[in-house]
Amino acid sequence: ALGIDPVAHVPGVGRNLQDHVDVYVM
């Protein structure tokens, strides 16, 4: 749907993808 052709069909990849909170301190 995003115009990206998959190279391999691996159904579990990315299923539990989570972002992490990040704090940048200078």
mmCIF file of all heavy atoms, coordinates in Angstrom:
data_MODEL
# 
_entry.id   MODEL 
# 
loop_
_atom_site.group_PDB 
_atom_site.id 
_atom_site.type_symbol 
_atom_site.label_atom_id 
_atom_site.label_alt_id 
_atom_site.label_comp_id 
_atom_site.label_asym_id 
_atom_site.label_entity_id 
_atom_site.label_seq_id 
_atom_site.pdbx_PDB_ins_code 
_atom_site.Cartn_x 
_atom_site.Cartn_y 
_atom_site.Cartn_z 
_atom_site.occupancy 
_atom_site.B_iso_or_equiv 
_atom_site.pdbx_formal_charge 
_atom_site.auth_seq_id 
_atom_site.auth_comp_id 
_atom_site.auth_asym_id 
_atom_site.auth_atom_id 
_atom_site.pdbx_PDB_model_num 
ATOM 1   N N   . ALA A 1 1  ? 0.829  -1.210  0.000  1.00 0.00 ? 1  ALA A N   1 
ATOM 2   C CA  . ALA A 1 1  ? 0.000  0.000   0.000  1.00 0.00 ? 1  ALA A CA  1 
ATOM 3   C C   . ALA A 1 1  ? 0.862  1.256   0.000  1.00 0.00 ? 1  ALA A C   1 
ATOM 4   O O   . ALA A 1 1  ? 0.424  2.322   -0.444 1.00 0.00 ? 1  ALA A O   1 
ATOM 5   C CB  . ALA A 1 1  ? -0.922 -0.006  1.212  1.00 0.00 ? 1  ALA A CB  1 
ATOM 6   N N   . LEU A 1 2  ? 2.093  1.154   0.484  1.00 0.00 ? 2  LEU A N   1 
ATOM 7   C CA  . LEU A 1 2  ? 3.015  2.290   0.494  1.00 0.00 ? 2  LEU A CA  1 
ATOM 8   C C   . LEU A 1 2  ? 3.949  2.294   -0.712 1.00 0.00 ? 2  LEU A C   1 
ATOM 9   O O   . LEU A 1 2  ? 4.847  3.115   -0.800 1.00 0.00 ? 2  LEU A O   1 
ATOM 10  C CB  . LEU A 1 2  ? 3.852  2.267   1.784  1.00 0.00 ? 2  LEU A CB  1 
ATOM 11  C CG  . LEU A 1 2  ? 3.063  2.389   3.080  1.00 0.00 ? 2  LEU A CG  1 
ATOM 12  C CD1 . LEU A 1 2  ? 3.963  2.162   4.278  1.00 0.00 ? 2  LEU A CD1 1 
ATOM 13  C CD2 . LEU A 1 2  ? 2.402  3.754   3.159  1.00 0.00 ? 2  LEU A CD2 1 
ATOM 14  N N   . GLY A 1 3  ? 3.751  1.344   -1.620 1.00 0.00 ? 3  GLY A N   1 
ATOM 15  C CA  . GLY A 1 3  ? 4.584  1.279   -2.815 1.00 0.00 ? 3  GLY A CA  1 
ATOM 16  C C   . GLY A 1 3  ? 5.898  0.553   -2.600 1.00 0.00 ? 3  GLY A C   1 
ATOM 17  O O   . GLY A 1 3  ? 6.838  0.725   -3.353 1.00 0.00 ? 3  GLY A O   1 
ATOM 18  N N   . ILE A 1 4  ? 5.968  -0.260  -1.534 1.00 0.00 ? 4  ILE A N   1 
ATOM 19  C CA  . ILE A 1 4  ? 7.192  -1.008  -1.221 1.00 0.00 ? 4  ILE A CA  1 
ATOM 20  C C   . ILE A 1 4  ? 6.940  -2.475  -1.493 1.00 0.00 ? 4  ILE A C   1 
ATOM 21  O O   . ILE A 1 4  ? 6.035  -3.078  -0.921 1.00 0.00 ? 4  ILE A O   1 
ATOM 22  C CB  . ILE A 1 4  ? 7.585  -0.810  0.258  1.00 0.00 ? 4  ILE A CB  1 
ATOM 23  C CG1 . ILE A 1 4  ? 7.784  0.668   0.549  1.00 0.00 ? 4  ILE A CG1 1 
ATOM 24  C CG2 . ILE A 1 4  ? 8.825  -1.616  0.600  1.00 0.00 ? 4  ILE A CG2 1 
ATOM 25  C CD1 . ILE A 1 4  ? 7.924  0.993   2.019  1.00 0.00 ? 4  ILE A CD1 1 
ATOM 26  N N   . ASP A 1 5  ? 7.713  -3.048  -2.396 1.00 0.00 ? 5  ASP A N   1 
ATOM 27  C CA  . ASP A 1 5  ? 7.579  -4.471  -2.706 1.00 0.00 ? 5  ASP A CA  1 
ATOM 28  C C   . ASP A 1 5  ? 8.352  -5.298  -1.687 1.00 0.00 ? 5  ASP A C   1 
ATOM 29  O O   . ASP A 1 5  ? 9.556  -5.109  -1.511 1.00 0.00 ? 5  ASP A O   1 
ATOM 30  C CB  . ASP A 1 5  ? 8.122  -4.771  -4.114 1.00 0.00 ? 5  ASP A CB  1 
ATOM 31  C CG  . ASP A 1 5  ? 7.253  -4.164  -5.192 1.00 0.00 ? 5  ASP A CG  1 
ATOM 32  O OD1 . ASP A 1 5  ? 6.027  -4.064  -4.970 1.00 0.00 ? 5  ASP A OD1 1 
ATOM 33  O OD2 . ASP A 1 5  ? 7.795  -3.784  -6.247 1.00 0.00 ? 5  ASP A OD2 1 
ATOM 34  N N   . PRO A 1 6  ? 7.695  -6.224  -0.996 1.00 0.00 ? 6  PRO A N   1 
ATOM 35  C CA  . PRO A 1 6  ? 8.400  -7.081  -0.037 1.00 0.00 ? 6  PRO A CA  1 
ATOM 36  C C   . PRO A 1 6  ? 9.359  -8.028  -0.738 1.00 0.00 ? 6  PRO A C   1 
ATOM 37  O O   . PRO A 1 6  ? 9.083  -8.516  -1.836 1.00 0.00 ? 6  PRO A O   1 
ATOM 38  C CB  . PRO A 1 6  ? 7.289  -7.870  0.649  1.00 0.00 ? 6  PRO A CB  1 
ATOM 39  C CG  . PRO A 1 6  ? 6.001  -7.364  0.118  1.00 0.00 ? 6  PRO A CG  1 
ATOM 40  C CD  . PRO A 1 6  ? 6.274  -6.459  -1.012 1.00 0.00 ? 6  PRO A CD  1 
ATOM 41  N N   . VAL A 1 7  ? 10.490 -8.277  -0.087 1.00 0.00 ? 7  VAL A N   1 
ATOM 42  C CA  . VAL A 1 7  ? 11.473 -9.222  -0.622 1.00 0.00 ? 7  VAL A CA  1 
ATOM 43  C C   . VAL A 1 7  ? 11.135 -10.639 -0.178 1.00 0.00 ? 7  VAL A C   1 
ATOM 44  O O   . VAL A 1 7  ? 11.292 -11.587 -0.921 1.00 0.00 ? 7  VAL A O   1 
ATOM 45  C CB  . VAL A 1 7  ? 12.897 -8.834  -0.147 1.00 0.00 ? 7  VAL A CB  1 
ATOM 46  C CG1 . VAL A 1 7  ? 13.928 -9.854  -0.599 1.00 0.00 ? 7  VAL A CG1 1 
ATOM 47  C CG2 . VAL A 1 7  ? 13.264 -7.448  -0.658 1.00 0.00 ? 7  VAL A CG2 1 
ATOM 48  N N   . ALA A 1 8  ? 10.649 -10.761 1.064  1.00 0.00 ? 8  ALA A N   1 
ATOM 49  C CA  . ALA A 1 8  ? 10.261 -12.074 1.602  1.00 0.00 ? 8  ALA A CA  1 
ATOM 50  C C   . ALA A 1 8  ? 9.010  -11.899 2.447  1.00 0.00 ? 8  ALA A C   1 
ATOM 51  O O   . ALA A 1 8  ? 8.836  -10.892 3.122  1.00 0.00 ? 8  ALA A O   1 
ATOM 52  C CB  . ALA A 1 8  ? 11.392 -12.648 2.446  1.00 0.00 ? 8  ALA A CB  1 
ATOM 53  N N   . HIS A 1 9  ? 8.139  -12.882 2.408  1.00 0.00 ? 9  HIS A N   1 
ATOM 54  C CA  . HIS A 1 9  ? 6.922  -12.849 3.213  1.00 0.00 ? 9  HIS A CA  1 
ATOM 55  C C   . HIS A 1 9  ? 7.220  -13.487 4.565  1.00 0.00 ? 9  HIS A C   1 
ATOM 56  O O   . HIS A 1 9  ? 7.345  -14.707 4.684  1.00 0.00 ? 9  HIS A O   1 
ATOM 57  C CB  . HIS A 1 9  ? 5.795  -13.597 2.501  1.00 0.00 ? 9  HIS A CB  1 
ATOM 58  C CG  . HIS A 1 9  ? 4.529  -13.638 3.305  1.00 0.00 ? 9  HIS A CG  1 
ATOM 59  N ND1 . HIS A 1 9  ? 3.791  -12.518 3.572  1.00 0.00 ? 9  HIS A ND1 1 
ATOM 60  C CD2 . HIS A 1 9  ? 3.896  -14.677 3.907  1.00 0.00 ? 9  HIS A CD2 1 
ATOM 61  C CE1 . HIS A 1 9  ? 2.745  -12.853 4.307  1.00 0.00 ? 9  HIS A CE1 1 
ATOM 62  N NE2 . HIS A 1 9  ? 2.786  -14.166 4.531  1.00 0.00 ? 9  HIS A NE2 1 
ATOM 63  N N   . VAL A 1 10 ? 7.368  -12.648 5.601  1.00 0.00 ? 10 VAL A N   1 
ATOM 64  C CA  . VAL A 1 10 ? 7.640  -13.118 6.961  1.00 0.00 ? 10 VAL A CA  1 
ATOM 65  C C   . VAL A 1 10 ? 6.612  -12.440 7.858  1.00 0.00 ? 10 VAL A C   1 
ATOM 66  O O   . VAL A 1 10 ? 6.802  -11.304 8.289  1.00 0.00 ? 10 VAL A O   1 
ATOM 67  C CB  . VAL A 1 10 ? 9.080  -12.780 7.394  1.00 0.00 ? 10 VAL A CB  1 
ATOM 68  C CG1 . VAL A 1 10 ? 9.389  -13.373 8.754  1.00 0.00 ? 10 VAL A CG1 1 
ATOM 69  C CG2 . VAL A 1 10 ? 10.088 -13.255 6.361  1.00 0.00 ? 10 VAL A CG2 1 
ATOM 70  N N   . PRO A 1 11 ? 5.493  -13.108 8.149  1.00 0.00 ? 11 PRO A N   1 
ATOM 71  C CA  . PRO A 1 11 ? 4.366  -12.474 8.837  1.00 0.00 ? 11 PRO A CA  1 
ATOM 72  C C   . PRO A 1 11 ? 4.681  -11.873 10.205 1.00 0.00 ? 11 PRO A C   1 
ATOM 73  O O   . PRO A 1 11 ? 4.110  -10.874 10.589 1.00 0.00 ? 11 PRO A O   1 
ATOM 74  C CB  . PRO A 1 11 ? 3.355  -13.610 8.987  1.00 0.00 ? 11 PRO A CB  1 
ATOM 75  C CG  . PRO A 1 11 ? 3.713  -14.598 7.949  1.00 0.00 ? 11 PRO A CG  1 
ATOM 76  C CD  . PRO A 1 11 ? 5.196  -14.482 7.766  1.00 0.00 ? 11 PRO A CD  1 
ATOM 77  N N   . GLY A 1 12 ? 5.624  -12.426 10.983 1.00 0.00 ? 12 GLY A N   1 
ATOM 78  C CA  . GLY A 1 12 ? 5.879  -11.929 12.328 1.00 0.00 ? 12 GLY A CA  1 
ATOM 79  C C   . GLY A 1 12 ? 6.759  -10.688 12.399 1.00 0.00 ? 12 GLY A C   1 
ATOM 80  O O   . GLY A 1 12 ? 6.838  -10.037 13.435 1.00 0.00 ? 12 GLY A O   1 
ATOM 81  N N   . VAL A 1 13 ? 7.404  -10.325 11.315 1.00 0.00 ? 13 VAL A N   1 
ATOM 82  C CA  . VAL A 1 13 ? 8.332  -9.197  11.342 1.00 0.00 ? 13 VAL A CA  1 
ATOM 83  C C   . VAL A 1 13 ? 7.581  -7.890  11.582 1.00 0.00 ? 13 VAL A C   1 
ATOM 84  O O   . VAL A 1 13 ? 6.628  -7.563  10.891 1.00 0.00 ? 13 VAL A O   1 
ATOM 85  C CB  . VAL A 1 13 ? 9.143  -9.113  10.030 1.00 0.00 ? 13 VAL A CB  1 
ATOM 86  C CG1 . VAL A 1 13 ? 9.967  -7.843  9.981  1.00 0.00 ? 13 VAL A CG1 1 
ATOM 87  C CG2 . VAL A 1 13 ? 10.027 -10.324 9.880  1.00 0.00 ? 13 VAL A CG2 1 
ATOM 88  N N   . GLY A 1 14 ? 8.008  -7.156  12.603 1.00 0.00 ? 14 GLY A N   1 
ATOM 89  C CA  . GLY A 1 14 ? 7.407  -5.863  12.906 1.00 0.00 ? 14 GLY A CA  1 
ATOM 90  C C   . GLY A 1 14 ? 6.133  -5.922  13.723 1.00 0.00 ? 14 GLY A C   1 
ATOM 91  O O   . GLY A 1 14 ? 5.560  -4.894  14.046 1.00 0.00 ? 14 GLY A O   1 
ATOM 92  N N   . ARG A 1 15 ? 5.681  -7.087  14.084 1.00 0.00 ? 15 ARG A N   1 
ATOM 93  C CA  . ARG A 1 15 ? 4.409  -7.233  14.796 1.00 0.00 ? 15 ARG A CA  1 
ATOM 94  C C   . ARG A 1 15 ? 4.423  -6.524  16.154 1.00 0.00 ? 15 ARG A C   1 
ATOM 95  O O   . ARG A 1 15 ? 3.456  -5.929  16.558 1.00 0.00 ? 15 ARG A O   1 
ATOM 96  C CB  . ARG A 1 15 ? 4.076  -8.700  14.975 1.00 0.00 ? 15 ARG A CB  1 
ATOM 97  C CG  . ARG A 1 15 ? 2.728  -8.902  15.672 1.00 0.00 ? 15 ARG A CG  1 
ATOM 98  C CD  . ARG A 1 15 ? 2.249  -10.307 15.602 1.00 0.00 ? 15 ARG A CD  1 
ATOM 99  N NE  . ARG A 1 15 ? 1.950  -10.598 14.183 1.00 0.00 ? 15 ARG A NE  1 
ATOM 100 C CZ  . ARG A 1 15 ? 1.912  -11.820 13.669 1.00 0.00 ? 15 ARG A CZ  1 
ATOM 101 N NH1 . ARG A 1 15 ? 2.150  -12.856 14.425 1.00 0.00 ? 15 ARG A NH1 1 
ATOM 102 N NH2 . ARG A 1 15 ? 1.639  -12.013 12.408 1.00 0.00 ? 15 ARG A NH2 1 
ATOM 103 N N   . ASN A 1 16 ? 5.529  -6.580  16.875 1.00 0.00 ? 16 ASN A N   1 
ATOM 104 C CA  . ASN A 1 16 ? 5.610  -5.969  18.192 1.00 0.00 ? 16 ASN A CA  1 
ATOM 105 C C   . ASN A 1 16 ? 6.524  -4.731  18.175 1.00 0.00 ? 16 ASN A C   1 
ATOM 106 O O   . ASN A 1 16 ? 7.155  -4.402  19.166 1.00 0.00 ? 16 ASN A O   1 
ATOM 107 C CB  . ASN A 1 16 ? 6.112  -6.998  19.221 1.00 0.00 ? 16 ASN A CB  1 
ATOM 108 C CG  . ASN A 1 16 ? 5.890  -6.529  20.641 1.00 0.00 ? 16 ASN A CG  1 
ATOM 109 O OD1 . ASN A 1 16 ? 4.996  -5.721  20.901 1.00 0.00 ? 16 ASN A OD1 1 
ATOM 110 N ND2 . ASN A 1 16 ? 6.700  -7.005  21.560 1.00 0.00 ? 16 ASN A ND2 1 
ATOM 111 N N   . LEU A 1 17 ? 6.591  -4.047  17.070 1.00 0.00 ? 17 LEU A N   1 
ATOM 112 C CA  . LEU A 1 17 ? 7.437  -2.862  16.939 1.00 0.00 ? 17 LEU A CA  1 
ATOM 113 C C   . LEU A 1 17 ? 6.914  -1.743  17.834 1.00 0.00 ? 17 LEU A C   1 
ATOM 114 O O   . LEU A 1 17 ? 5.736  -1.412  17.810 1.00 0.00 ? 17 LEU A O   1 
ATOM 115 C CB  . LEU A 1 17 ? 7.461  -2.386  15.485 1.00 0.00 ? 17 LEU A CB  1 
ATOM 116 C CG  . LEU A 1 17 ? 8.333  -1.180  15.202 1.00 0.00 ? 17 LEU A CG  1 
ATOM 117 C CD1 . LEU A 1 17 ? 9.798  -1.507  15.456 1.00 0.00 ? 17 LEU A CD1 1 
ATOM 118 C CD2 . LEU A 1 17 ? 8.141  -0.727  13.764 1.00 0.00 ? 17 LEU A CD2 1 
ATOM 119 N N   . GLN A 1 18 ? 7.788  -1.201  18.671 1.00 0.00 ? 18 GLN A N   1 
ATOM 120 C CA  . GLN A 1 18 ? 7.423  -0.122  19.577 1.00 0.00 ? 18 GLN A CA  1 
ATOM 121 C C   . GLN A 1 18 ? 8.478  0.969   19.509 1.00 0.00 ? 18 GLN A C   1 
ATOM 122 O O   . GLN A 1 18 ? 9.655  0.690   19.353 1.00 0.00 ? 18 GLN A O   1 
ATOM 123 C CB  . GLN A 1 18 ? 7.321  -0.632  21.015 1.00 0.00 ? 18 GLN A CB  1 
ATOM 124 C CG  . GLN A 1 18 ? 6.281  -1.691  21.203 1.00 0.00 ? 18 GLN A CG  1 
ATOM 125 C CD  . GLN A 1 18 ? 6.291  -2.230  22.627 1.00 0.00 ? 18 GLN A CD  1 
ATOM 126 O OE1 . GLN A 1 18 ? 6.772  -1.595  23.539 1.00 0.00 ? 18 GLN A OE1 1 
ATOM 127 N NE2 . GLN A 1 18 ? 5.747  -3.420  22.800 1.00 0.00 ? 18 GLN A NE2 1 
ATOM 128 N N   . ASP A 1 19 ? 8.050  2.202   19.677 1.00 0.00 ? 19 ASP A N   1 
ATOM 129 C CA  . ASP A 1 19 ? 8.982  3.305   19.733 1.00 0.00 ? 19 ASP A CA  1 
ATOM 130 C C   . ASP A 1 19 ? 9.439  3.486   21.176 1.00 0.00 ? 19 ASP A C   1 
ATOM 131 O O   . ASP A 1 19 ? 8.741  3.107   22.115 1.00 0.00 ? 19 ASP A O   1 
ATOM 132 C CB  . ASP A 1 19 ? 8.309  4.587   19.226 1.00 0.00 ? 19 ASP A CB  1 
ATOM 133 C CG  . ASP A 1 19 ? 9.314  5.617   18.772 1.00 0.00 ? 19 ASP A CG  1 
ATOM 134 O OD1 . ASP A 1 19 ? 10.524 5.357   18.894 1.00 0.00 ? 19 ASP A OD1 1 
ATOM 135 O OD2 . ASP A 1 19 ? 8.900  6.687   18.306 1.00 0.00 ? 19 ASP A OD2 1 
ATOM 136 N N   . HIS A 1 20 ? 10.594 4.069   21.370 1.00 0.00 ? 20 HIS A N   1 
ATOM 137 C CA  . HIS A 1 20 ? 11.125 4.312   22.706 1.00 0.00 ? 20 HIS A CA  1 
ATOM 138 C C   . HIS A 1 20 ? 11.197 5.816   22.955 1.00 0.00 ? 20 HIS A C   1 
ATOM 139 O O   . HIS A 1 20 ? 11.550 6.584   22.073 1.00 0.00 ? 20 HIS A O   1 
ATOM 140 C CB  . HIS A 1 20 ? 12.531 3.716   22.849 1.00 0.00 ? 20 HIS A CB  1 
ATOM 141 C CG  . HIS A 1 20 ? 12.568 2.235   22.708 1.00 0.00 ? 20 HIS A CG  1 
ATOM 142 N ND1 . HIS A 1 20 ? 12.131 1.388   23.693 1.00 0.00 ? 20 HIS A ND1 1 
ATOM 143 C CD2 . HIS A 1 20 ? 12.983 1.459   21.692 1.00 0.00 ? 20 HIS A CD2 1 
ATOM 144 C CE1 . HIS A 1 20 ? 12.290 0.138   23.284 1.00 0.00 ? 20 HIS A CE1 1 
ATOM 145 N NE2 . HIS A 1 20 ? 12.793 0.163   22.081 1.00 0.00 ? 20 HIS A NE2 1 
ATOM 146 N N   . VAL A 1 21 ? 10.891 6.205   24.163 1.00 0.00 ? 21 VAL A N   1 
ATOM 147 C CA  . VAL A 1 21 ? 11.012 7.596   24.552 1.00 0.00 ? 21 VAL A CA  1 
ATOM 148 C C   . VAL A 1 21 ? 12.493 7.943   24.594 1.00 0.00 ? 21 VAL A C   1 
ATOM 149 O O   . VAL A 1 21 ? 13.312 7.186   25.103 1.00 0.00 ? 21 VAL A O   1 
ATOM 150 C CB  . VAL A 1 21 ? 10.371 7.833   25.937 1.00 0.00 ? 21 VAL A CB  1 
ATOM 151 C CG1 . VAL A 1 21 ? 10.585 9.255   26.388 1.00 0.00 ? 21 VAL A CG1 1 
ATOM 152 C CG2 . VAL A 1 21 ? 8.893  7.510   25.881 1.00 0.00 ? 21 VAL A CG2 1 
ATOM 153 N N   . ASP A 1 22 ? 12.846 9.093   24.061 1.00 0.00 ? 22 ASP A N   1 
ATOM 154 C CA  . ASP A 1 22 ? 14.239 9.515   24.026 1.00 0.00 ? 22 ASP A CA  1 
ATOM 155 C C   . ASP A 1 22 ? 14.326 10.954  24.500 1.00 0.00 ? 22 ASP A C   1 
ATOM 156 O O   . ASP A 1 22 ? 13.520 11.796  24.094 1.00 0.00 ? 22 ASP A O   1 
ATOM 157 C CB  . ASP A 1 22 ? 14.783 9.393   22.602 1.00 0.00 ? 22 ASP A CB  1 
ATOM 158 C CG  . ASP A 1 22 ? 16.274 9.617   22.530 1.00 0.00 ? 22 ASP A CG  1 
ATOM 159 O OD1 . ASP A 1 22 ? 16.944 9.566   23.575 1.00 0.00 ? 22 ASP A OD1 1 
ATOM 160 O OD2 . ASP A 1 22 ? 16.782 9.844   21.418 1.00 0.00 ? 22 ASP A OD2 1 
ATOM 161 N N   . VAL A 1 23 ? 15.265 11.232  25.355 1.00 0.00 ? 23 VAL A N   1 
ATOM 162 C CA  . VAL A 1 23 ? 15.490 12.588  25.834 1.00 0.00 ? 23 VAL A CA  1 
ATOM 163 C C   . VAL A 1 23 ? 16.923 12.961  25.495 1.00 0.00 ? 23 VAL A C   1 
ATOM 164 O O   . VAL A 1 23 ? 17.865 12.257  25.876 1.00 0.00 ? 23 VAL A O   1 
ATOM 165 C CB  . VAL A 1 23 ? 15.272 12.693  27.360 1.00 0.00 ? 23 VAL A CB  1 
ATOM 166 C CG1 . VAL A 1 23 ? 15.581 14.083  27.860 1.00 0.00 ? 23 VAL A CG1 1 
ATOM 167 C CG2 . VAL A 1 23 ? 13.854 12.299  27.716 1.00 0.00 ? 23 VAL A CG2 1 
ATOM 168 N N   . TYR A 1 24 ? 17.083 14.046  24.769 1.00 0.00 ? 24 TYR A N   1 
ATOM 169 C CA  . TYR A 1 24 ? 18.404 14.510  24.369 1.00 0.00 ? 24 TYR A CA  1 
ATOM 170 C C   . TYR A 1 24 ? 18.789 15.673  25.269 1.00 0.00 ? 24 TYR A C   1 
ATOM 171 O O   . TYR A 1 24 ? 18.062 16.658  25.357 1.00 0.00 ? 24 TYR A O   1 
ATOM 172 C CB  . TYR A 1 24 ? 18.377 14.930  22.901 1.00 0.00 ? 24 TYR A CB  1 
ATOM 173 C CG  . TYR A 1 24 ? 19.724 15.281  22.346 1.00 0.00 ? 24 TYR A CG  1 
ATOM 174 C CD1 . TYR A 1 24 ? 20.665 14.294  22.086 1.00 0.00 ? 24 TYR A CD1 1 
ATOM 175 C CD2 . TYR A 1 24 ? 20.056 16.598  22.075 1.00 0.00 ? 24 TYR A CD2 1 
ATOM 176 C CE1 . TYR A 1 24 ? 21.899 14.614  21.568 1.00 0.00 ? 24 TYR A CE1 1 
ATOM 177 C CE2 . TYR A 1 24 ? 21.288 16.922  21.551 1.00 0.00 ? 24 TYR A CE2 1 
ATOM 178 C CZ  . TYR A 1 24 ? 22.199 15.923  21.305 1.00 0.00 ? 24 TYR A CZ  1 
ATOM 179 O OH  . TYR A 1 24 ? 23.432 16.239  20.786 1.00 0.00 ? 24 TYR A OH  1 
ATOM 180 N N   . VAL A 1 25 ? 19.899 15.533  25.955 1.00 0.00 ? 25 VAL A N   1 
ATOM 181 C CA  . VAL A 1 25 ? 20.323 16.560  26.900 1.00 0.00 ? 25 VAL A CA  1 
ATOM 182 C C   . VAL A 1 25 ? 21.658 17.124  26.448 1.00 0.00 ? 25 VAL A C   1 
ATOM 183 O O   . VAL A 1 25 ? 22.594 16.369  26.171 1.00 0.00 ? 25 VAL A O   1 
ATOM 184 C CB  . VAL A 1 25 ? 20.466 15.983  28.327 1.00 0.00 ? 25 VAL A CB  1 
ATOM 185 C CG1 . VAL A 1 25 ? 20.971 17.037  29.290 1.00 0.00 ? 25 VAL A CG1 1 
ATOM 186 C CG2 . VAL A 1 25 ? 19.151 15.401  28.793 1.00 0.00 ? 25 VAL A CG2 1 
ATOM 187 N N   . MET A 1 26 ? 21.741 18.423  26.365 1.00 0.00 ? 26 MET A N   1 
ATOM 188 C CA  . MET A 1 26 ? 23.008 19.095  26.062 1.00 0.00 ? 26 MET A CA  1 
ATOM 189 C C   . MET A 1 26 ? 23.419 19.903  27.289 1.00 0.00 ? 26 MET A C   1 
ATOM 190 O O   . MET A 1 26 ? 22.571 20.501  27.948 1.00 0.00 ? 26 MET A O   1 
ATOM 191 C CB  . MET A 1 26 ? 22.869 20.010  24.857 1.00 0.00 ? 26 MET A CB  1 
ATOM 192 C CG  . MET A 1 26 ? 22.648 19.286  23.566 1.00 0.00 ? 26 MET A CG  1 
ATOM 193 S SD  . MET A 1 26 ? 22.602 20.376  22.156 1.00 0.00 ? 26 MET A SD  1 
ATOM 194 C CE  . MET A 1 26 ? 24.281 20.954  22.112 1.00 0.00 ? 26 MET A CE  1 
# 
